[in-house]
Structures are given as structure tokens and as C-alpha cells.
C-alpha atoms as a PDB file:
ATOM      1  CA  MET A   1      21.110  -8.170  -9.262  1.00  0.00           C
ATOM      2  CA  THR A   2      20.114  -9.860  -6.001  1.00  0.00           C
ATOM      3  CA  GLY A   3      16.812 -10.233  -4.121  1.00  0.00           C
ATOM      4  CA  ASN A   4      13.204 -10.673  -5.692  1.00  0.00           C
ATOM      5  CA  SER A   5      11.210  -7.806  -6.937  1.00  0.00           C
ATOM      6  CA  GLN A   6       7.479  -8.131  -7.108  1.00  0.00           C
ATOM      7  CA  THR A   7       4.880  -6.052  -9.146  1.00  0.00           C
ATOM      8  CA  LYS A   8       1.368  -6.404  -7.771  1.00  0.00           C
ATOM      9  CA  VAL A   9      -1.231  -5.809 -10.506  1.00  0.00           C
ATOM     10  CA  MET A  10      -4.983  -5.711  -9.859  1.00  0.00           C
ATOM     11  CA  THR A  11      -8.170  -5.617 -12.301  1.00  0.00           C
ATOM     12  CA  TYR A  12     -11.603  -4.920 -11.125  1.00  0.00           C
ATOM     13  CA  ASN A  13     -14.959  -4.686 -12.803  1.00  0.00           C
ATOM     14  CA  LEU A  14     -16.690  -1.432 -11.238  1.00  0.00           C
ATOM     15  CA  ARG A  15     -20.066  -2.013 -13.008  1.00  0.00           C
ATOM     16  CA  PHE A  16     -21.654   1.071 -14.067  1.00  0.00           C
ATOM     17  CA  ASP A  17     -23.706   3.189 -11.925  1.00  0.00           C
ATOM     18  CA  ASN A  18     -27.403   2.058 -11.939  1.00  0.00           C
ATOM     19  CA  PRO A  19     -29.539   3.616  -9.230  1.00  0.00           C
ATOM     20  CA  ARG A  20     -31.977   0.733  -9.821  1.00  0.00           C
ATOM     21  CA  ASP A  21     -29.331  -1.739  -8.443  1.00  0.00           C
ATOM     22  CA  ASN A  22     -30.536  -0.780  -4.845  1.00  0.00           C
ATOM     23  CA  GLU A  23     -27.940  -2.138  -2.222  1.00  0.00           C
ATOM     24  CA  ASN A  24     -25.577  -2.734  -5.218  1.00  0.00           C
ATOM     25  CA  ALA A  25     -25.683   0.782  -6.693  1.00  0.00           C
ATOM     26  CA  TRP A  26     -22.369   2.386  -6.745  1.00  0.00           C
ATOM     27  CA  SER A  27     -23.085   4.525  -3.987  1.00  0.00           C
ATOM     28  CA  GLU A  28     -23.401   1.458  -1.844  1.00  0.00           C
ATOM     29  CA  ARG A  29     -20.280  -0.217  -3.277  1.00  0.00           C
ATOM     30  CA  LYS A  30     -17.616   2.496  -3.683  1.00  0.00           C
ATOM     31  CA  ASP A  31     -16.238   2.415  -0.186  1.00  0.00           C
ATOM     32  CA  GLU A  32     -15.733  -1.170  -0.403  1.00  0.00           C
ATOM     33  CA  VAL A  33     -13.976  -0.776  -3.498  1.00  0.00           C
ATOM     34  CA  VAL A  34     -11.657   1.658  -1.828  1.00  0.00           C
ATOM     35  CA  GLN A  35     -11.146  -0.917   0.948  1.00  0.00           C
ATOM     36  CA  LEU A  36     -10.078  -3.341  -1.478  1.00  0.00           C
ATOM     37  CA  LEU A  37      -7.387  -1.333  -3.094  1.00  0.00           C
ATOM     38  CA  ASP A  38      -6.250  -0.102   0.208  1.00  0.00           C
ATOM     39  CA  TYR A  39      -5.920  -3.614   1.440  1.00  0.00           C
ATOM     40  CA  TYR A  40      -4.044  -5.232  -1.634  1.00  0.00           C
ATOM     41  CA  ALA A  41      -2.158  -1.992  -2.352  1.00  0.00           C
ATOM     42  CA  PRO A  42      -1.462  -2.630  -6.059  1.00  0.00           C
ATOM     43  CA  ASP A  43       1.226  -1.096  -7.899  1.00  0.00           C
ATOM     44  CA  PHE A  44      -0.954  -1.043 -11.053  1.00  0.00           C
ATOM     45  CA  ALA A  45      -4.688  -1.229 -10.832  1.00  0.00           C
ATOM     46  CA  ALA A  46      -7.053  -1.462 -14.025  1.00  0.00           C
ATOM     47  CA  HIS A  47     -10.761  -1.104 -14.024  1.00  0.00           C
ATOM     48  CA  ARG A  48     -13.563  -1.700 -16.422  1.00  0.00           C
ATOM     49  CA  LYS A  49     -17.154  -0.010 -16.827  1.00  0.00           C
ATOM     50  CA  ASP A  50     -16.207   3.216 -15.207  1.00  0.00           C
ATOM     51  CA  CYS A  51     -17.759   6.584 -15.760  1.00  0.00           C
ATOM     52  CA  ILE A  52     -17.578  10.108 -14.675  1.00  0.00           C
ATOM     53  CA  ALA A  53     -20.232   9.531 -11.910  1.00  0.00           C
ATOM     54  CA  ASN A  54     -18.325   6.682 -10.460  1.00  0.00           C
END
């Protein structure tokens, strides 16, 4: 087999949705998380502290 193959893996701690977080609330962060995923384009992404509201 020739050539190099790479697998990109990303982990991210989403933090739970706490409306009292004001500017750090999920509604203010979710678009940035999507941008990170789009930018790094991992083959596998793992996350923590998510819930249905996220």
C-alpha cells in the first residue's frame, strides 16, 4: 500500500444548555460550534454534555 492516509478526530465539550449563561448560552454558541466542525471537517467527532435541547 502506498501513500499516507489520515483520519481526523475531534472532541468537543458542548456544555449543557443553561439560559443563565447569558452570552455563553447554547443559543449564542451553537453557530460557532458548527463553524468549527465545518472548518476542521473531522472524520469522527465526539462530544460531551449534550442534550436534546442542544
